[in-house]
Protein backbone atom coordinates (compact mmCIF):
# COMPACT_ATOMS: atom_id res chain seq x y z
CA MET A 1 12.79 1.25 -0.51
CA ASN A 2 15.37 3.16 1.73
CA THR A 3 17.67 0.62 2.46
CA PHE A 4 18.22 2.20 6.20
CA CYS A 5 16.49 4.26 8.98
CA GLN A 6 15.83 7.92 8.24
CA SER A 7 14.96 7.88 12.38
CA CYS A 8 18.57 5.83 13.63
CA GLY A 9 19.97 4.04 10.81
CA MET A 10 18.97 0.73 11.82
CA PRO A 11 19.11 -0.70 8.26
CA LEU A 12 15.38 -2.15 6.48
CA SER A 13 14.55 -5.33 5.90
CA SER A 14 11.14 -7.37 5.65
CA GLU A 15 12.93 -10.22 7.99
CA GLN A 16 12.29 -7.44 11.13
CA GLY A 17 8.21 -7.62 10.45
CA ASN A 18 8.07 -4.21 9.93
CA ASN A 19 6.05 -3.81 7.15
CA THR A 20 4.10 -0.35 8.57
CA SER A 21 6.97 2.40 7.25
CA ASP A 22 8.96 2.17 4.37
CA GLN A 23 11.12 5.03 6.06
CA TYR A 24 11.68 3.75 9.85
CA CYS A 25 12.41 0.32 11.07
CA GLN A 26 10.65 -0.79 14.57
CA HIS A 27 11.57 0.74 16.43
CA CYS A 28 11.07 3.87 15.99
CA THR A 29 7.66 4.04 14.67
CA ASP A 30 4.61 2.85 16.73
CA SER A 31 2.08 -0.24 15.37
CA GLN A 32 1.16 2.25 12.65
CA GLY A 33 4.42 2.87 10.69
CA LYS A 34 4.06 6.31 12.82
CA LEU A 35 7.10 7.70 13.92
CA LYS A 36 7.81 8.37 17.87
CA SER A 37 8.72 11.54 19.99
CA LYS A 38 12.76 12.26 19.29
CA GLU A 39 12.68 12.04 22.85
CA PHE A 40 12.56 8.09 22.75
CA VAL A 41 14.31 7.62 19.97
CA GLN A 42 17.23 9.19 21.25
CA ALA A 43 17.10 7.42 24.48
CA GLY A 44 16.47 3.83 22.77
CA ILE A 45 19.29 5.58 20.64
CA ALA A 46 21.45 6.43 23.90
CA GLU A 47 20.88 2.94 26.03
CA TRP A 48 22.67 1.35 22.31
CA LEU A 49 25.41 3.42 22.51
CA LYS A 50 26.09 3.34 26.00
CA GLN A 51 25.93 -1.23 24.95
CA ILE A 52 28.49 -0.89 22.15
CA SER A 53 30.76 1.72 24.08
CA LEU A 54 33.90 1.22 25.68
CA LYS A 55 34.15 4.68 27.66
CA ASP A 56 32.79 4.09 31.47
CA PRO A 57 28.90 4.98 31.41
CA GLU A 58 29.06 6.83 34.44
CA THR A 59 31.18 9.49 33.00
CA ALA A 60 30.07 9.57 29.36
CA ASP A 61 27.38 11.92 28.19
CA PHE A 62 25.32 8.93 26.34
CA MET A 63 22.12 11.55 25.49
CA LYS A 64 24.16 13.88 24.09
CA ARG A 65 26.07 11.78 21.95
CA ALA A 66 22.40 10.10 20.93
CA SER A 67 21.28 13.98 20.06
CA HIS A 68 24.34 14.79 17.73
CA TYR A 69 24.24 11.46 16.12
CA MET A 70 20.28 12.13 15.28
CA ASN A 71 20.81 15.58 13.76
CA ALA A 72 23.12 14.12 11.11
CA MET A 73 19.50 11.51 10.10
CA PRO A 74 17.13 13.01 7.85
CA ALA A 75 14.48 12.74 10.04
CA TRP A 76 15.01 15.04 12.65
CA ALA A 77 18.37 16.95 10.37
CA GLU A 78 15.57 20.15 10.93
CA VAL A 79 13.16 19.53 14.33
């Protein structure tokens, strides 16, 4: 089993209640364990970046930052 989600980097844990995928977390998969769309995952990562950022949300481009972040993830590196 991978230790981190191959889509977003979130630590994988059986305690999260996601037993449908051993590669992706419950935020990145549907109820059958299939990876959600890149756009859906990107929006979620952008929202997470906005919450942890010290930058002004009105001036920072969190979708662009999320895209750069996702390019380093195995699930999206070749997409």
